[in-house]
Amino acid sequence: MARSFEDGISSYIHAQAVADVYFPVDAKGNADISCSQCYFFRESAKRCGLNWEICQYPNKYVGGGCPLVRVDDDTGEIETLNP
């Protein structure tokens, strides 16, 4: 049932999602970590499907606001995709 917020909003409930994305690596070990290789990239809108930000160079880079983090499968170490 939809609620009415006629009296305003007193607070928000914070929620997060976890998504797995696998970027391709060629036979020489060169990874293509770019928006265009991401499952969540929306080609027709040139936007990220996770945060709806415009991806300026989707075939070359990952957008500055990308919410994804890189996880090292061996160590479990986490780092951003944007150094």
N, C-alpha and C. Protein backbone atom coordinates (compact mmCIF):
# COMPACT_ATOMS: atom_id res chain seq x y z
N MET A 1 0.83 -1.17 0.00
CA MET A 1 0.00 0.00 0.00
C MET A 1 0.89 1.25 0.00
N ALA A 2 0.62 2.16 -0.91
CA ALA A 2 1.38 3.40 -0.98
C ALA A 2 1.05 4.28 0.22
N ARG A 3 2.08 4.93 0.74
CA ARG A 3 1.89 5.80 1.91
C ARG A 3 1.92 7.26 1.48
N SER A 4 1.24 8.06 2.23
CA SER A 4 1.23 9.49 1.98
C SER A 4 2.21 10.16 2.95
N PHE A 5 3.00 11.09 2.44
CA PHE A 5 3.97 11.80 3.27
C PHE A 5 3.55 13.27 3.42
N GLU A 6 2.26 13.48 3.63
CA GLU A 6 1.72 14.83 3.75
C GLU A 6 2.37 15.61 4.89
N ASP A 7 2.75 14.92 5.97
CA ASP A 7 3.36 15.57 7.12
C ASP A 7 4.87 15.64 7.02
N GLY A 8 5.45 15.26 5.88
CA GLY A 8 6.89 15.29 5.69
C GLY A 8 7.52 13.93 5.96
N ILE A 9 8.83 13.91 5.88
CA ILE A 9 9.60 12.68 6.10
C ILE A 9 10.52 12.92 7.28
N SER A 10 10.46 12.05 8.26
CA SER A 10 11.28 12.24 9.47
C SER A 10 12.65 11.62 9.35
N SER A 11 12.80 10.59 8.53
CA SER A 11 14.11 9.95 8.35
C SER A 11 14.03 9.00 7.17
N TYR A 12 15.17 8.39 6.87
CA TYR A 12 15.25 7.40 5.79
C TYR A 12 15.87 6.12 6.31
N ILE A 13 15.52 5.01 5.72
CA ILE A 13 16.14 3.72 6.02
C ILE A 13 17.22 3.50 4.97
N HIS A 14 18.45 3.26 5.40
CA HIS A 14 19.57 3.05 4.50
C HIS A 14 19.61 1.58 4.07
N ALA A 15 19.73 1.34 2.79
CA ALA A 15 19.83 -0.01 2.25
C ALA A 15 20.97 -0.03 1.23
N GLN A 16 21.61 -1.17 1.06
CA GLN A 16 22.68 -1.33 0.08
C GLN A 16 22.46 -2.60 -0.71
N ALA A 17 23.11 -2.65 -1.87
CA ALA A 17 23.06 -3.84 -2.71
C ALA A 17 24.48 -4.30 -3.00
N VAL A 18 24.64 -5.58 -3.20
CA VAL A 18 25.93 -6.14 -3.60
C VAL A 18 25.74 -6.73 -4.98
N ALA A 19 26.61 -6.35 -5.90
CA ALA A 19 26.51 -6.83 -7.27
C ALA A 19 27.87 -7.36 -7.72
N ASP A 20 27.88 -8.46 -8.41
CA ASP A 20 29.11 -9.01 -8.97
C ASP A 20 29.17 -8.69 -10.46
N VAL A 21 30.31 -8.15 -10.88
CA VAL A 21 30.55 -7.85 -12.29
C VAL A 21 31.91 -8.43 -12.64
N TYR A 22 31.99 -9.12 -13.77
CA TYR A 22 33.25 -9.71 -14.21
C TYR A 22 33.70 -9.01 -15.49
N PHE A 23 34.85 -8.33 -15.40
CA PHE A 23 35.42 -7.65 -16.56
C PHE A 23 36.35 -8.61 -17.29
N PRO A 24 36.35 -8.61 -18.63
CA PRO A 24 37.15 -9.58 -19.38
C PRO A 24 38.65 -9.27 -19.35
N VAL A 25 39.43 -10.34 -19.40
CA VAL A 25 40.89 -10.26 -19.50
C VAL A 25 41.28 -11.11 -20.70
N ASP A 26 42.09 -10.52 -21.62
CA ASP A 26 42.48 -11.28 -22.81
C ASP A 26 43.60 -12.26 -22.50
N ALA A 27 44.01 -13.02 -23.50
CA ALA A 27 45.02 -14.08 -23.33
C ALA A 27 46.38 -13.53 -22.91
N LYS A 28 46.62 -12.24 -23.15
CA LYS A 28 47.89 -11.62 -22.76
C LYS A 28 47.83 -11.01 -21.36
N GLY A 29 46.66 -11.10 -20.71
CA GLY A 29 46.52 -10.56 -19.37
C GLY A 29 46.05 -9.12 -19.30
N ASN A 30 45.62 -8.56 -20.42
CA ASN A 30 45.14 -7.18 -20.46
C ASN A 30 43.65 -7.15 -20.11
N ALA A 31 43.33 -6.43 -19.04
CA ALA A 31 41.94 -6.34 -18.60
C ALA A 31 41.25 -5.16 -19.25
N ASP A 32 39.98 -5.31 -19.58
CA ASP A 32 39.16 -4.21 -20.10
C ASP A 32 38.16 -3.83 -19.01
N ILE A 33 38.60 -2.93 -18.13
CA ILE A 33 37.74 -2.45 -17.05
C ILE A 33 37.17 -1.11 -17.50
N SER A 34 36.03 -1.19 -18.14
CA SER A 34 35.37 0.01 -18.66
C SER A 34 33.86 -0.17 -18.51
N CYS A 35 33.15 0.95 -18.52
CA CYS A 35 31.70 0.90 -18.37
C CYS A 35 31.04 0.02 -19.43
N SER A 36 31.56 0.06 -20.65
CA SER A 36 30.93 -0.70 -21.73
C SER A 36 31.00 -2.21 -21.50
N GLN A 37 31.92 -2.67 -20.65
CA GLN A 37 32.03 -4.09 -20.35
C GLN A 37 31.21 -4.49 -19.12
N CYS A 38 30.58 -3.52 -18.48
CA CYS A 38 29.81 -3.77 -17.26
C CYS A 38 28.38 -4.17 -17.60
N TYR A 39 27.88 -5.15 -16.89
CA TYR A 39 26.51 -5.63 -17.08
C TYR A 39 25.50 -4.52 -16.84
N PHE A 40 25.80 -3.57 -15.98
CA PHE A 40 24.85 -2.53 -15.61
C PHE A 40 24.89 -1.29 -16.50
N PHE A 41 25.82 -1.23 -17.45
CA PHE A 41 25.90 -0.09 -18.35
C PHE A 41 24.72 -0.10 -19.31
N ARG A 42 24.06 1.04 -19.45
CA ARG A 42 22.91 1.17 -20.34
C ARG A 42 23.38 1.89 -21.60
N GLU A 43 23.64 1.12 -22.65
CA GLU A 43 24.21 1.64 -23.91
C GLU A 43 23.34 2.73 -24.52
N SER A 44 22.04 2.52 -24.58
CA SER A 44 21.17 3.49 -25.25
C SER A 44 21.15 4.85 -24.54
N ALA A 45 21.34 4.86 -23.24
CA ALA A 45 21.33 6.10 -22.47
C ALA A 45 22.74 6.59 -22.16
N LYS A 46 23.75 5.75 -22.41
CA LYS A 46 25.15 6.06 -22.05
C LYS A 46 25.26 6.39 -20.56
N ARG A 47 24.51 5.63 -19.75
CA ARG A 47 24.48 5.86 -18.30
C ARG A 47 24.70 4.56 -17.54
N CYS A 48 25.13 4.73 -16.30
CA CYS A 48 25.28 3.61 -15.38
C CYS A 48 23.90 3.21 -14.88
N GLY A 49 23.61 1.93 -14.93
CA GLY A 49 22.33 1.44 -14.44
C GLY A 49 22.25 1.39 -12.93
N LEU A 50 23.37 1.55 -12.23
CA LEU A 50 23.37 1.54 -10.77
C LEU A 50 23.13 2.91 -10.17
N ASN A 51 23.78 3.94 -10.71
CA ASN A 51 23.63 5.28 -10.13
C ASN A 51 23.07 6.29 -11.13
N TRP A 52 22.83 5.87 -12.35
CA TRP A 52 22.25 6.66 -13.44
C TRP A 52 23.10 7.86 -13.83
N GLU A 53 24.39 7.84 -13.50
CA GLU A 53 25.29 8.91 -13.94
C GLU A 53 25.70 8.67 -15.39
N ILE A 54 25.98 9.76 -16.11
CA ILE A 54 26.44 9.66 -17.49
C ILE A 54 27.88 9.16 -17.50
N CYS A 55 28.18 8.22 -18.37
CA CYS A 55 29.54 7.68 -18.53
C CYS A 55 30.18 8.40 -19.71
N GLN A 56 31.18 9.25 -19.44
CA GLN A 56 31.77 10.08 -20.48
C GLN A 56 32.50 9.28 -21.56
N TYR A 57 33.34 8.36 -21.19
CA TYR A 57 34.09 7.55 -22.16
C TYR A 57 33.91 6.07 -21.81
N PRO A 58 32.71 5.55 -22.04
CA PRO A 58 32.38 4.21 -21.56
C PRO A 58 33.19 3.07 -22.19
N ASN A 59 33.76 3.30 -23.36
CA ASN A 59 34.56 2.25 -24.00
C ASN A 59 36.01 2.26 -23.54
N LYS A 60 36.37 3.27 -22.74
CA LYS A 60 37.76 3.43 -22.33
C LYS A 60 37.96 3.40 -20.82
N TYR A 61 37.02 3.95 -20.06
CA TYR A 61 37.18 4.10 -18.62
C TYR A 61 35.95 3.64 -17.85
N VAL A 62 36.10 3.62 -16.53
CA VAL A 62 34.97 3.45 -15.63
C VAL A 62 34.63 4.84 -15.11
N GLY A 63 33.37 5.18 -15.06
CA GLY A 63 32.94 6.50 -14.63
C GLY A 63 33.42 6.85 -13.22
N GLY A 64 33.62 8.15 -12.98
CA GLY A 64 34.13 8.62 -11.70
C GLY A 64 33.23 8.30 -10.53
N GLY A 65 31.95 8.15 -10.76
CA GLY A 65 31.02 7.85 -9.68
C GLY A 65 30.67 6.38 -9.58
N CYS A 66 31.48 5.52 -10.19
CA CYS A 66 31.18 4.09 -10.19
C CYS A 66 31.14 3.55 -8.76
N PRO A 67 30.03 2.90 -8.39
CA PRO A 67 29.91 2.38 -7.03
C PRO A 67 30.59 1.02 -6.83
N LEU A 68 31.11 0.44 -7.91
CA LEU A 68 31.74 -0.88 -7.79
C LEU A 68 33.13 -0.76 -7.17
N VAL A 69 33.54 -1.80 -6.48
CA VAL A 69 34.89 -1.91 -5.95
C VAL A 69 35.51 -3.17 -6.51
N ARG A 70 36.84 -3.15 -6.65
CA ARG A 70 37.56 -4.32 -7.16
C ARG A 70 37.94 -5.21 -5.98
N VAL A 71 37.67 -6.50 -6.10
CA VAL A 71 38.00 -7.46 -5.06
C VAL A 71 39.05 -8.43 -5.60
N ASP A 72 40.19 -8.50 -4.93
CA ASP A 72 41.23 -9.45 -5.31
C ASP A 72 40.79 -10.84 -4.85
N ASP A 73 40.60 -11.76 -5.81
CA ASP A 73 40.11 -13.09 -5.47
C ASP A 73 41.07 -13.87 -4.59
N ASP A 74 42.35 -13.58 -4.66
CA ASP A 74 43.33 -14.31 -3.86
C ASP A 74 43.42 -13.80 -2.43
N THR A 75 43.44 -12.47 -2.26
CA THR A 75 43.65 -11.89 -0.93
C THR A 75 42.38 -11.35 -0.30
N GLY A 76 41.35 -11.10 -1.12
CA GLY A 76 40.13 -10.49 -0.61
C GLY A 76 40.26 -8.98 -0.44
N GLU A 77 41.41 -8.42 -0.84
CA GLU A 77 41.63 -6.98 -0.73
C GLU A 77 40.68 -6.23 -1.64
N ILE A 78 40.18 -5.09 -1.13
CA ILE A 78 39.20 -4.28 -1.86
C ILE A 78 39.81 -2.93 -2.21
N GLU A 79 39.58 -2.47 -3.45
CA GLU A 79 40.03 -1.15 -3.88
C GLU A 79 39.02 -0.59 -4.86
N THR A 80 39.01 0.73 -5.05
CA THR A 80 38.07 1.33 -5.99
C THR A 80 38.52 1.04 -7.41
N LEU A 81 37.61 1.12 -8.35
CA LEU A 81 37.96 0.93 -9.76
C LEU A 81 38.58 2.19 -10.34
N ASN A 82 38.41 3.32 -9.65
CA ASN A 82 38.97 4.60 -10.09
C ASN A 82 40.14 4.98 -9.20
N PRO A 83 41.37 4.76 -9.67
CA PRO A 83 42.53 5.08 -8.81
C PRO A 83 42.68 6.57 -8.58
